[in-house]
Amino acid sequence: MKSKAKLYFTLFFEMLKLSAFTFGGGYVIVPLMKRSFVEKHALLTEKEMLDYTAVAQSAPGAVAVNAAILVGMKTGGILGAAITLLATILPPLIIITAVALVYEAFSESIIIAAVLRGMRAGICAVIADAVLSMISAVTKDFTKGSLFGWLRILIIPVSFVLAFVFKVNAAVIVSVGAVLGVITAALKWKKGGAK
């Protein structure tokens, strides 16, 4: 019972801390969740965190909230999901309420505008870290000459080109990626089964 209570406290405290001190949304909080739940507390594997990130991105709603619910569900069941959900939404709710009360007074401030510009630059760096971390995880078990490995590598730049050059909707790219993932997994399984 004590270990369950400790787990729930860890889930609540870690998500509350991440949610309170992370600026930039889900793409920023996910790599920090990885550091916390995979590297620091070893509650998840890197592959599980990567899978949860993909599901959180694909599901409707905020990426950070979706990922928090999935992590909580995996590690602490339904109560764990409820705890991580509460811990994730509590800080933004309090902060946004406070900001709304004083927004008019600070909206024209040059200092506040400069602080926000600086925060944007920092957020870009954290998002770049998240992207590089995900690419590293996807390509980790890449084997030279493997069709499946090459396809996974190829999906990454093709997705960027489709999104940023041709302005293809992200939902279409994610859906096509999911279909390709199912096809390659089926082919890989069939090939493994044939041996």
N, C-alpha and C. Protein backbone atom coordinates (compact mmCIF):
# COMPACT_ATOMS: atom_id res chain seq x y z
N MET A 1 0.83 -1.21 0.00
CA MET A 1 0.00 0.00 0.00
C MET A 1 0.87 1.26 0.00
N LYS A 2 1.97 1.19 0.80
CA LYS A 2 2.86 2.34 0.89
C LYS A 2 3.51 2.65 -0.46
N SER A 3 3.88 1.58 -1.19
CA SER A 3 4.52 1.78 -2.49
C SER A 3 3.54 2.39 -3.50
N LYS A 4 2.25 2.01 -3.39
CA LYS A 4 1.22 2.61 -4.27
C LYS A 4 1.09 4.10 -3.96
N ALA A 5 1.05 4.43 -2.67
CA ALA A 5 0.93 5.83 -2.27
C ALA A 5 2.15 6.62 -2.76
N LYS A 6 3.33 6.01 -2.67
CA LYS A 6 4.55 6.66 -3.14
C LYS A 6 4.50 6.88 -4.65
N LEU A 7 3.99 5.87 -5.38
CA LEU A 7 3.85 6.00 -6.84
C LEU A 7 2.91 7.14 -7.19
N TYR A 8 1.75 7.20 -6.51
CA TYR A 8 0.78 8.26 -6.80
C TYR A 8 1.35 9.63 -6.47
N PHE A 9 2.10 9.72 -5.37
CA PHE A 9 2.74 10.99 -5.01
C PHE A 9 3.75 11.38 -6.08
N THR A 10 4.55 10.41 -6.54
CA THR A 10 5.55 10.68 -7.59
C THR A 10 4.87 11.16 -8.86
N LEU A 11 3.80 10.47 -9.29
CA LEU A 11 3.07 10.86 -10.49
C LEU A 11 2.53 12.29 -10.35
N PHE A 12 1.90 12.57 -9.20
CA PHE A 12 1.31 13.89 -9.00
C PHE A 12 2.38 14.97 -8.96
N PHE A 13 3.42 14.76 -8.15
CA PHE A 13 4.45 15.78 -7.97
C PHE A 13 5.21 16.05 -9.27
N GLU A 14 5.59 14.99 -10.00
CA GLU A 14 6.35 15.16 -11.24
C GLU A 14 5.51 15.89 -12.30
N MET A 15 4.25 15.49 -12.47
CA MET A 15 3.41 16.14 -13.48
C MET A 15 3.06 17.58 -13.07
N LEU A 16 2.85 17.80 -11.78
CA LEU A 16 2.57 19.16 -11.30
C LEU A 16 3.77 20.07 -11.57
N LYS A 17 4.96 19.57 -11.27
CA LYS A 17 6.19 20.34 -11.49
C LYS A 17 6.40 20.62 -12.98
N LEU A 18 6.22 19.58 -13.81
CA LEU A 18 6.41 19.76 -15.26
C LEU A 18 5.38 20.73 -15.82
N SER A 19 4.14 20.58 -15.41
CA SER A 19 3.08 21.43 -15.93
C SER A 19 3.22 22.87 -15.47
N ALA A 20 3.70 23.06 -14.24
CA ALA A 20 3.82 24.43 -13.69
C ALA A 20 4.99 25.19 -14.29
N PHE A 21 6.08 24.49 -14.62
CA PHE A 21 7.30 25.20 -15.03
C PHE A 21 7.68 24.95 -16.49
N THR A 22 6.77 24.42 -17.29
CA THR A 22 7.06 24.16 -18.69
C THR A 22 6.21 25.10 -19.54
N PHE A 23 6.87 25.85 -20.42
CA PHE A 23 6.17 26.77 -21.31
C PHE A 23 6.29 26.25 -22.74
N GLY A 24 5.21 26.31 -23.52
CA GLY A 24 5.29 25.92 -24.92
C GLY A 24 4.40 24.77 -25.32
N GLY A 25 3.66 24.20 -24.38
CA GLY A 25 2.69 23.17 -24.75
C GLY A 25 3.25 21.76 -24.74
N GLY A 26 2.48 20.86 -25.35
CA GLY A 26 2.76 19.43 -25.31
C GLY A 26 4.08 19.01 -25.88
N TYR A 27 4.51 19.67 -26.96
CA TYR A 27 5.76 19.27 -27.60
C TYR A 27 6.96 19.57 -26.72
N VAL A 28 6.81 20.48 -25.79
CA VAL A 28 7.88 20.80 -24.87
C VAL A 28 7.83 19.87 -23.66
N ILE A 29 6.63 19.56 -23.17
CA ILE A 29 6.50 18.77 -21.95
C ILE A 29 6.83 17.29 -22.17
N VAL A 30 6.61 16.78 -23.39
CA VAL A 30 6.84 15.36 -23.66
C VAL A 30 8.30 14.93 -23.43
N PRO A 31 9.31 15.66 -23.97
CA PRO A 31 10.68 15.23 -23.67
C PRO A 31 11.03 15.33 -22.19
N LEU A 32 10.41 16.28 -21.49
CA LEU A 32 10.65 16.40 -20.06
C LEU A 32 9.98 15.25 -19.31
N MET A 33 8.83 14.80 -19.80
CA MET A 33 8.17 13.62 -19.22
C MET A 33 9.06 12.39 -19.42
N LYS A 34 9.68 12.31 -20.59
CA LYS A 34 10.60 11.20 -20.87
C LYS A 34 11.75 11.20 -19.87
N ARG A 35 12.34 12.37 -19.65
CA ARG A 35 13.45 12.44 -18.69
C ARG A 35 12.99 12.03 -17.29
N SER A 36 11.78 12.44 -16.93
CA SER A 36 11.28 12.18 -15.59
C SER A 36 10.86 10.72 -15.40
N PHE A 37 10.01 10.21 -16.31
CA PHE A 37 9.41 8.88 -16.10
C PHE A 37 10.23 7.73 -16.68
N VAL A 38 11.09 8.02 -17.67
CA VAL A 38 11.93 6.97 -18.26
C VAL A 38 13.30 6.97 -17.60
N GLU A 39 13.96 8.12 -17.57
CA GLU A 39 15.34 8.18 -17.10
C GLU A 39 15.46 8.31 -15.58
N LYS A 40 14.68 9.19 -14.97
CA LYS A 40 14.82 9.45 -13.53
C LYS A 40 14.16 8.37 -12.67
N HIS A 41 12.89 8.05 -12.96
CA HIS A 41 12.14 7.12 -12.11
C HIS A 41 12.01 5.70 -12.69
N ALA A 42 12.37 5.52 -13.96
CA ALA A 42 12.30 4.20 -14.63
C ALA A 42 10.92 3.56 -14.51
N LEU A 43 9.87 4.36 -14.67
CA LEU A 43 8.51 3.83 -14.64
C LEU A 43 8.07 3.33 -16.01
N LEU A 44 8.72 3.83 -17.08
CA LEU A 44 8.40 3.45 -18.45
C LEU A 44 9.69 3.19 -19.21
N THR A 45 9.55 2.45 -20.31
CA THR A 45 10.70 2.30 -21.22
C THR A 45 10.66 3.44 -22.23
N GLU A 46 11.77 3.66 -22.91
CA GLU A 46 11.82 4.71 -23.93
C GLU A 46 10.83 4.41 -25.05
N LYS A 47 10.70 3.13 -25.42
CA LYS A 47 9.77 2.74 -26.48
C LYS A 47 8.33 3.03 -26.07
N GLU A 48 7.97 2.72 -24.81
CA GLU A 48 6.62 3.01 -24.33
C GLU A 48 6.34 4.50 -24.39
N MET A 49 7.29 5.32 -23.97
CA MET A 49 7.10 6.77 -23.98
C MET A 49 6.93 7.28 -25.41
N LEU A 50 7.70 6.72 -26.33
CA LEU A 50 7.59 7.10 -27.73
C LEU A 50 6.22 6.72 -28.29
N ASP A 51 5.75 5.52 -27.94
CA ASP A 51 4.43 5.07 -28.39
C ASP A 51 3.33 5.94 -27.81
N TYR A 52 3.45 6.28 -26.52
CA TYR A 52 2.44 7.14 -25.89
C TYR A 52 2.43 8.53 -26.50
N THR A 53 3.61 9.02 -26.88
CA THR A 53 3.69 10.32 -27.55
C THR A 53 2.95 10.28 -28.88
N ALA A 54 3.14 9.19 -29.63
CA ALA A 54 2.44 9.05 -30.92
C ALA A 54 0.93 8.99 -30.73
N VAL A 55 0.48 8.23 -29.73
CA VAL A 55 -0.96 8.13 -29.46
C VAL A 55 -1.50 9.47 -28.98
N ALA A 56 -0.76 10.14 -28.07
CA ALA A 56 -1.20 11.44 -27.54
C ALA A 56 -1.32 12.48 -28.64
N GLN A 57 -0.39 12.44 -29.60
CA GLN A 57 -0.41 13.37 -30.74
C GLN A 57 -1.61 13.08 -31.66
N SER A 58 -1.92 11.81 -31.82
CA SER A 58 -2.97 11.42 -32.76
C SER A 58 -4.38 11.60 -32.19
N ALA A 59 -4.50 11.52 -30.87
CA ALA A 59 -5.82 11.63 -30.24
C ALA A 59 -6.26 13.09 -30.15
N PRO A 60 -7.57 13.33 -30.14
CA PRO A 60 -8.05 14.71 -29.98
C PRO A 60 -7.68 15.25 -28.60
N GLY A 61 -7.42 16.54 -28.53
CA GLY A 61 -7.10 17.16 -27.25
C GLY A 61 -5.65 17.58 -27.17
N ALA A 62 -5.30 18.13 -26.02
CA ALA A 62 -3.94 18.62 -25.79
C ALA A 62 -2.97 17.46 -25.66
N VAL A 63 -1.83 17.56 -26.33
CA VAL A 63 -0.83 16.49 -26.33
C VAL A 63 -0.35 16.20 -24.92
N ALA A 64 -0.06 17.24 -24.15
CA ALA A 64 0.45 17.06 -22.78
C ALA A 64 -0.56 16.33 -21.90
N VAL A 65 -1.83 16.70 -22.01
CA VAL A 65 -2.87 16.07 -21.21
C VAL A 65 -3.05 14.61 -21.63
N ASN A 66 -3.09 14.36 -22.93
CA ASN A 66 -3.23 12.98 -23.43
C ASN A 66 -2.06 12.12 -22.97
N ALA A 67 -0.84 12.64 -23.10
CA ALA A 67 0.35 11.88 -22.69
C ALA A 67 0.33 11.62 -21.19
N ALA A 68 -0.07 12.62 -20.40
CA ALA A 68 -0.13 12.46 -18.94
C ALA A 68 -1.13 11.37 -18.56
N ILE A 69 -2.28 11.35 -19.20
CA ILE A 69 -3.29 10.32 -18.91
C ILE A 69 -2.75 8.94 -19.25
N LEU A 70 -2.09 8.81 -20.40
CA LEU A 70 -1.54 7.51 -20.80
C LEU A 70 -0.45 7.03 -19.84
N VAL A 71 0.43 7.94 -19.44
CA VAL A 71 1.50 7.59 -18.48
C VAL A 71 0.89 7.19 -17.15
N GLY A 72 -0.09 7.97 -16.68
CA GLY A 72 -0.75 7.66 -15.41
C GLY A 72 -1.48 6.34 -15.45
N MET A 73 -2.17 6.06 -16.56
CA MET A 73 -2.90 4.80 -16.71
C MET A 73 -1.96 3.61 -16.70
N LYS A 74 -0.84 3.75 -17.42
CA LYS A 74 0.13 2.65 -17.51
C LYS A 74 0.78 2.36 -16.16
N THR A 75 1.14 3.41 -15.44
CA THR A 75 1.89 3.22 -14.19
C THR A 75 1.01 3.05 -12.96
N GLY A 76 -0.18 3.68 -12.94
CA GLY A 76 -1.00 3.65 -11.73
C GLY A 76 -2.46 3.33 -11.94
N GLY A 77 -2.81 2.81 -13.12
CA GLY A 77 -4.21 2.45 -13.37
C GLY A 77 -5.10 3.68 -13.52
N ILE A 78 -6.39 3.50 -13.29
CA ILE A 78 -7.37 4.58 -13.46
C ILE A 78 -7.09 5.72 -12.47
N LEU A 79 -6.75 5.38 -11.22
CA LEU A 79 -6.44 6.43 -10.24
C LEU A 79 -5.18 7.19 -10.66
N GLY A 80 -4.20 6.48 -11.19
CA GLY A 80 -2.98 7.12 -11.69
C GLY A 80 -3.28 8.09 -12.82
N ALA A 81 -4.19 7.68 -13.73
CA ALA A 81 -4.60 8.57 -14.83
C ALA A 81 -5.29 9.81 -14.31
N ALA A 82 -6.16 9.64 -13.31
CA ALA A 82 -6.88 10.78 -12.73
C ALA A 82 -5.90 11.73 -12.02
N ILE A 83 -4.92 11.16 -11.34
CA ILE A 83 -3.93 11.97 -10.61
C ILE A 83 -3.07 12.78 -11.59
N THR A 84 -2.57 12.12 -12.64
CA THR A 84 -1.74 12.85 -13.60
C THR A 84 -2.55 13.89 -14.37
N LEU A 85 -3.81 13.58 -14.64
CA LEU A 85 -4.69 14.56 -15.30
C LEU A 85 -4.85 15.80 -14.43
N LEU A 86 -5.17 15.59 -13.15
CA LEU A 86 -5.35 16.71 -12.23
C LEU A 86 -4.06 17.54 -12.11
N ALA A 87 -2.94 16.85 -11.96
CA ALA A 87 -1.65 17.53 -11.81
C ALA A 87 -1.27 18.31 -13.06
N THR A 88 -1.70 17.83 -14.23
CA THR A 88 -1.37 18.50 -15.49
C THR A 88 -2.22 19.75 -15.73
N ILE A 89 -3.50 19.69 -15.38
CA ILE A 89 -4.39 20.83 -15.69
C ILE A 89 -4.43 21.89 -14.59
N LEU A 90 -4.02 21.52 -13.37
CA LEU A 90 -4.10 22.47 -12.25
C LEU A 90 -3.23 23.72 -12.43
N PRO A 91 -1.92 23.59 -12.71
CA PRO A 91 -1.10 24.81 -12.86
C PRO A 91 -1.56 25.75 -13.98
N PRO A 92 -1.85 25.23 -15.21
CA PRO A 92 -2.32 26.17 -16.25
C PRO A 92 -3.63 26.86 -15.88
N LEU A 93 -4.51 26.13 -15.20
CA LEU A 93 -5.78 26.72 -14.79
C LEU A 93 -5.55 27.89 -13.84
N ILE A 94 -4.67 27.71 -12.87
CA ILE A 94 -4.36 28.77 -11.90
C ILE A 94 -3.63 29.93 -12.58
N ILE A 95 -2.61 29.59 -13.41
CA ILE A 95 -1.81 30.63 -14.06
C ILE A 95 -2.63 31.45 -15.05
N ILE A 96 -3.46 30.78 -15.86
CA ILE A 96 -4.27 31.50 -16.85
C ILE A 96 -5.30 32.39 -16.16
N THR A 97 -5.87 31.91 -15.05
CA THR A 97 -6.82 32.74 -14.30
C THR A 97 -6.12 33.99 -13.77
N ALA A 98 -4.90 33.82 -13.23
CA ALA A 98 -4.14 34.97 -12.71
C ALA A 98 -3.76 35.94 -13.83
N VAL A 99 -3.32 35.39 -14.96
CA VAL A 99 -2.94 36.24 -16.10
C VAL A 99 -4.14 37.02 -16.62
N ALA A 100 -5.29 36.37 -16.69
CA ALA A 100 -6.49 37.04 -17.19
C ALA A 100 -6.86 38.24 -16.31
N LEU A 101 -6.59 38.12 -15.01
CA LEU A 101 -6.93 39.21 -14.09
C LEU A 101 -6.03 40.43 -14.26
N VAL A 102 -4.76 40.21 -14.68
CA VAL A 102 -3.82 41.34 -14.78
C VAL A 102 -3.39 41.63 -16.22
N TYR A 103 -4.00 40.97 -17.20
CA TYR A 103 -3.56 41.12 -18.59
C TYR A 103 -3.62 42.56 -19.09
N GLU A 104 -4.69 43.22 -18.81
CA GLU A 104 -4.86 44.60 -19.30
C GLU A 104 -3.75 45.52 -18.81
N ALA A 105 -3.31 45.32 -17.57
CA ALA A 105 -2.28 46.19 -16.98
C ALA A 105 -0.92 45.96 -17.63
N PHE A 106 -0.64 44.71 -18.08
CA PHE A 106 0.68 44.39 -18.59
C PHE A 106 0.76 44.20 -20.11
N SER A 107 -0.37 44.28 -20.80
CA SER A 107 -0.38 43.95 -22.23
C SER A 107 0.47 44.89 -23.07
N GLU A 108 0.66 46.13 -22.65
CA GLU A 108 1.45 47.09 -23.42
C GLU A 108 2.90 47.21 -22.93
N SER A 109 3.27 46.43 -21.94
CA SER A 109 4.61 46.54 -21.35
C SER A 109 5.70 46.03 -22.29
N ILE A 110 6.73 46.85 -22.50
CA ILE A 110 7.87 46.46 -23.34
C ILE A 110 8.65 45.31 -22.69
N ILE A 111 8.75 45.33 -21.38
CA ILE A 111 9.49 44.30 -20.65
C ILE A 111 8.80 42.94 -20.81
N ILE A 112 7.48 42.91 -20.65
CA ILE A 112 6.73 41.65 -20.80
C ILE A 112 6.87 41.13 -22.22
N ALA A 113 6.81 42.01 -23.22
CA ALA A 113 6.96 41.60 -24.63
C ALA A 113 8.35 41.00 -24.85
N ALA A 114 9.38 41.60 -24.26
CA ALA A 114 10.75 41.08 -24.40
C ALA A 114 10.88 39.71 -23.73
N VAL A 115 10.27 39.56 -22.55
CA VAL A 115 10.31 38.26 -21.84
C VAL A 115 9.65 37.18 -22.70
N LEU A 116 8.52 37.50 -23.31
CA LEU A 116 7.80 36.52 -24.14
C LEU A 116 8.61 36.14 -25.38
N ARG A 117 9.32 37.12 -25.98
CA ARG A 117 10.17 36.82 -27.13
C ARG A 117 11.30 35.88 -26.74
N GLY A 118 11.90 36.13 -25.58
CA GLY A 118 12.97 35.25 -25.08
C GLY A 118 12.46 33.85 -24.80
N MET A 119 11.26 33.76 -24.24
CA MET A 119 10.67 32.45 -23.95
C MET A 119 10.42 31.68 -25.24
N ARG A 120 9.98 32.38 -26.29
CA ARG A 120 9.74 31.71 -27.58
C ARG A 120 11.01 31.08 -28.12
N ALA A 121 12.13 31.78 -28.00
CA ALA A 121 13.41 31.24 -28.48
C ALA A 121 13.79 29.98 -27.70
N GLY A 122 13.60 30.02 -26.40
CA GLY A 122 13.89 28.84 -25.57
C GLY A 122 12.99 27.67 -25.91
N ILE A 123 11.72 27.95 -26.17
CA ILE A 123 10.76 26.90 -26.52
C ILE A 123 11.16 26.23 -27.82
N CYS A 124 11.63 27.01 -28.79
CA CYS A 124 12.09 26.44 -30.07
C CYS A 124 13.21 25.42 -29.82
N ALA A 125 14.13 25.76 -28.93
CA ALA A 125 15.24 24.85 -28.62
C ALA A 125 14.74 23.56 -27.98
N VAL A 126 13.78 23.67 -27.07
CA VAL A 126 13.24 22.47 -26.41
C VAL A 126 12.48 21.60 -27.40
N ILE A 127 11.72 22.23 -28.32
CA ILE A 127 10.99 21.46 -29.33
C ILE A 127 11.98 20.76 -30.26
N ALA A 128 13.07 21.44 -30.63
CA ALA A 128 14.10 20.81 -31.46
C ALA A 128 14.70 19.60 -30.74
N ASP A 129 14.91 19.73 -29.42
CA ASP A 129 15.42 18.61 -28.63
C ASP A 129 14.44 17.44 -28.67
N ALA A 130 13.14 17.74 -28.56
CA ALA A 130 12.12 16.68 -28.61
C ALA A 130 12.14 15.97 -29.95
N VAL A 131 12.24 16.74 -31.03
CA VAL A 131 12.26 16.14 -32.38
C VAL A 131 13.47 15.25 -32.55
N LEU A 132 14.65 15.75 -32.16
CA LEU A 132 15.89 14.96 -32.29
C LEU A 132 15.84 13.70 -31.43
N SER A 133 15.25 13.82 -30.25
CA SER A 133 15.12 12.66 -29.36
C SER A 133 14.22 11.60 -29.98
N MET A 134 13.10 12.04 -30.59
CA MET A 134 12.18 11.10 -31.23
C MET A 134 12.82 10.44 -32.45
N ILE A 135 13.54 11.23 -33.25
CA ILE A 135 14.23 10.68 -34.42
C ILE A 135 15.25 9.65 -33.98
N SER A 136 15.98 9.95 -32.92
CA SER A 136 16.98 9.02 -32.39
C SER A 136 16.33 7.72 -31.94
N ALA A 137 15.17 7.81 -31.27
CA ALA A 137 14.48 6.61 -30.80
C ALA A 137 13.94 5.78 -31.97
N VAL A 138 13.43 6.46 -33.00
CA VAL A 138 12.86 5.76 -34.17
C VAL A 138 13.96 5.04 -34.94
N THR A 139 15.12 5.67 -35.06
CA THR A 139 16.20 5.11 -35.89
C THR A 139 17.17 4.23 -35.10
N LYS A 140 16.95 4.07 -33.80
CA LYS A 140 17.90 3.34 -32.95
C LYS A 140 18.15 1.91 -33.42
N ASP A 141 17.08 1.18 -33.75
CA ASP A 141 17.26 -0.21 -34.15
C ASP A 141 17.28 -0.37 -35.68
N PHE A 142 17.66 0.70 -36.37
CA PHE A 142 17.76 0.67 -37.83
C PHE A 142 18.91 -0.26 -38.24
N THR A 143 18.59 -1.19 -39.13
CA THR A 143 19.63 -2.11 -39.61
C THR A 143 19.92 -1.80 -41.06
N LYS A 144 21.19 -1.75 -41.41
CA LYS A 144 21.62 -1.38 -42.76
C LYS A 144 21.05 -2.37 -43.77
N GLY A 145 20.45 -1.85 -44.81
CA GLY A 145 19.92 -2.69 -45.88
C GLY A 145 18.51 -3.19 -45.63
N SER A 146 17.94 -2.91 -44.46
CA SER A 146 16.59 -3.37 -44.15
C SER A 146 15.56 -2.44 -44.78
N LEU A 147 14.61 -3.03 -45.52
CA LEU A 147 13.54 -2.24 -46.15
C LEU A 147 12.74 -1.49 -45.10
N PHE A 148 12.44 -2.16 -43.98
CA PHE A 148 11.63 -1.56 -42.93
C PHE A 148 12.37 -0.40 -42.27
N GLY A 149 13.67 -0.57 -42.06
CA GLY A 149 14.49 0.50 -41.49
C GLY A 149 14.54 1.71 -42.40
N TRP A 150 14.75 1.46 -43.70
CA TRP A 150 14.81 2.57 -44.67
C TRP A 150 13.48 3.30 -44.76
N LEU A 151 12.38 2.55 -44.69
CA LEU A 151 11.05 3.18 -44.79
C LEU A 151 10.82 4.10 -43.59
N ARG A 152 11.20 3.64 -42.40
CA ARG A 152 11.04 4.48 -41.21
C ARG A 152 11.88 5.75 -41.30
N ILE A 153 13.09 5.61 -41.82
CA ILE A 153 13.97 6.78 -41.98
C ILE A 153 13.38 7.74 -43.00
N LEU A 154 12.85 7.21 -44.08
CA LEU A 154 12.31 8.01 -45.18
C LEU A 154 11.05 8.77 -44.78
N ILE A 155 10.25 8.18 -43.89
CA ILE A 155 8.99 8.82 -43.47
C ILE A 155 9.26 10.17 -42.82
N ILE A 156 10.36 10.30 -42.09
CA ILE A 156 10.65 11.53 -41.34
C ILE A 156 10.81 12.75 -42.26
N PRO A 157 11.75 12.72 -43.23
CA PRO A 157 11.88 13.92 -44.09
C PRO A 157 10.68 14.12 -45.00
N VAL A 158 10.08 13.04 -45.47
CA VAL A 158 8.90 13.17 -46.34
C VAL A 158 7.78 13.88 -45.58
N SER A 159 7.59 13.53 -44.30
CA SER A 159 6.55 14.17 -43.48
C SER A 159 6.82 15.67 -43.33
N PHE A 160 8.09 16.04 -43.09
CA PHE A 160 8.44 17.46 -42.96
C PHE A 160 8.16 18.20 -44.26
N VAL A 161 8.54 17.61 -45.38
CA VAL A 161 8.33 18.26 -46.69
C VAL A 161 6.84 18.42 -46.96
N LEU A 162 6.07 17.37 -46.71
CA LEU A 162 4.62 17.45 -46.93
C LEU A 162 3.98 18.52 -46.06
N ALA A 163 4.40 18.60 -44.80
CA ALA A 163 3.79 19.55 -43.87
C ALA A 163 4.20 20.99 -44.15
N PHE A 164 5.49 21.23 -44.38
CA PHE A 164 5.97 22.61 -44.45
C PHE A 164 6.06 23.16 -45.88
N VAL A 165 6.27 22.31 -46.86
CA VAL A 165 6.38 22.79 -48.24
C VAL A 165 5.02 22.73 -48.94
N PHE A 166 4.37 21.57 -48.83
CA PHE A 166 3.10 21.38 -49.54
C PHE A 166 1.88 21.66 -48.68
N LYS A 167 2.10 22.01 -47.41
CA LYS A 167 1.02 22.38 -46.47
C LYS A 167 -0.07 21.31 -46.36
N VAL A 168 0.35 20.03 -46.34
CA VAL A 168 -0.60 18.93 -46.17
C VAL A 168 -1.03 18.92 -44.71
N ASN A 169 -2.32 18.68 -44.46
CA ASN A 169 -2.87 18.65 -43.11
C ASN A 169 -2.15 17.59 -42.28
N ALA A 170 -1.83 17.93 -41.02
CA ALA A 170 -1.11 17.02 -40.12
C ALA A 170 -1.89 15.72 -39.90
N ALA A 171 -3.23 15.80 -39.87
CA ALA A 171 -4.04 14.59 -39.66
C ALA A 171 -3.84 13.60 -40.80
N VAL A 172 -3.71 14.11 -42.02
CA VAL A 172 -3.48 13.24 -43.19
C VAL A 172 -2.12 12.57 -43.07
N ILE A 173 -1.09 13.34 -42.69
CA ILE A 173 0.27 12.79 -42.56
C ILE A 173 0.32 11.72 -41.48
N VAL A 174 -0.31 11.99 -40.33
CA VAL A 174 -0.33 11.02 -39.23
C VAL A 174 -1.09 9.76 -39.65
N SER A 175 -2.21 9.93 -40.36
CA SER A 175 -3.00 8.77 -40.80
C SER A 175 -2.23 7.91 -41.79
N VAL A 176 -1.56 8.55 -42.75
CA VAL A 176 -0.76 7.81 -43.73
C VAL A 176 0.40 7.11 -43.01
N GLY A 177 1.03 7.79 -42.06
CA GLY A 177 2.11 7.18 -41.28
C GLY A 177 1.63 5.97 -40.51
N ALA A 178 0.42 6.05 -39.94
CA ALA A 178 -0.15 4.92 -39.20
C ALA A 178 -0.40 3.73 -40.13
N VAL A 179 -0.96 4.01 -41.32
CA VAL A 179 -1.22 2.94 -42.30
C VAL A 179 0.09 2.29 -42.73
N LEU A 180 1.11 3.11 -43.02
CA LEU A 180 2.42 2.57 -43.40
C LEU A 180 3.02 1.74 -42.27
N GLY A 181 2.83 2.19 -41.04
CA GLY A 181 3.33 1.44 -39.88
C GLY A 181 2.68 0.08 -39.77
N VAL A 182 1.37 0.02 -39.99
CA VAL A 182 0.64 -1.26 -39.94
C VAL A 182 1.11 -2.18 -41.07
N ILE A 183 1.25 -1.61 -42.27
CA ILE A 183 1.68 -2.42 -43.43
C ILE A 183 3.09 -2.98 -43.19
N THR A 184 4.03 -2.13 -42.76
CA THR A 184 5.40 -2.61 -42.55
C THR A 184 5.47 -3.62 -41.41
N ALA A 185 4.67 -3.39 -40.35
CA ALA A 185 4.65 -4.37 -39.25
C ALA A 185 4.12 -5.71 -39.72
N ALA A 186 3.06 -5.68 -40.56
CA ALA A 186 2.48 -6.93 -41.09
C ALA A 186 3.49 -7.64 -41.99
N LEU A 187 4.17 -6.88 -42.85
CA LEU A 187 5.18 -7.48 -43.74
C LEU A 187 6.35 -8.05 -42.94
N LYS A 188 6.76 -7.32 -41.91
CA LYS A 188 7.87 -7.78 -41.07
C LYS A 188 7.47 -9.05 -40.32
N TRP A 189 6.24 -9.08 -39.81
CA TRP A 189 5.74 -10.25 -39.09
C TRP A 189 5.64 -11.45 -40.02
N LYS A 190 5.13 -11.20 -41.25
CA LYS A 190 4.99 -12.28 -42.23
C LYS A 190 6.38 -12.83 -42.61
N LYS A 191 7.34 -11.91 -42.79
CA LYS A 191 8.70 -12.32 -43.13
C LYS A 191 9.33 -13.12 -41.99
N GLY A 192 9.10 -12.67 -40.76
CA GLY A 192 9.62 -13.40 -39.59
C GLY A 192 8.93 -14.74 -39.41
N GLY A 193 7.64 -14.77 -39.70
CA GLY A 193 6.88 -16.01 -39.59
C GLY A 193 7.28 -17.02 -40.64
N ALA A 194 7.68 -16.53 -41.82
CA ALA A 194 8.07 -17.43 -42.91
C ALA A 194 9.34 -18.18 -42.58
N LYS A 195 10.22 -17.53 -41.74
CA LYS A 195 11.46 -18.18 -41.33
C LYS A 195 11.09 -19.25 -40.37
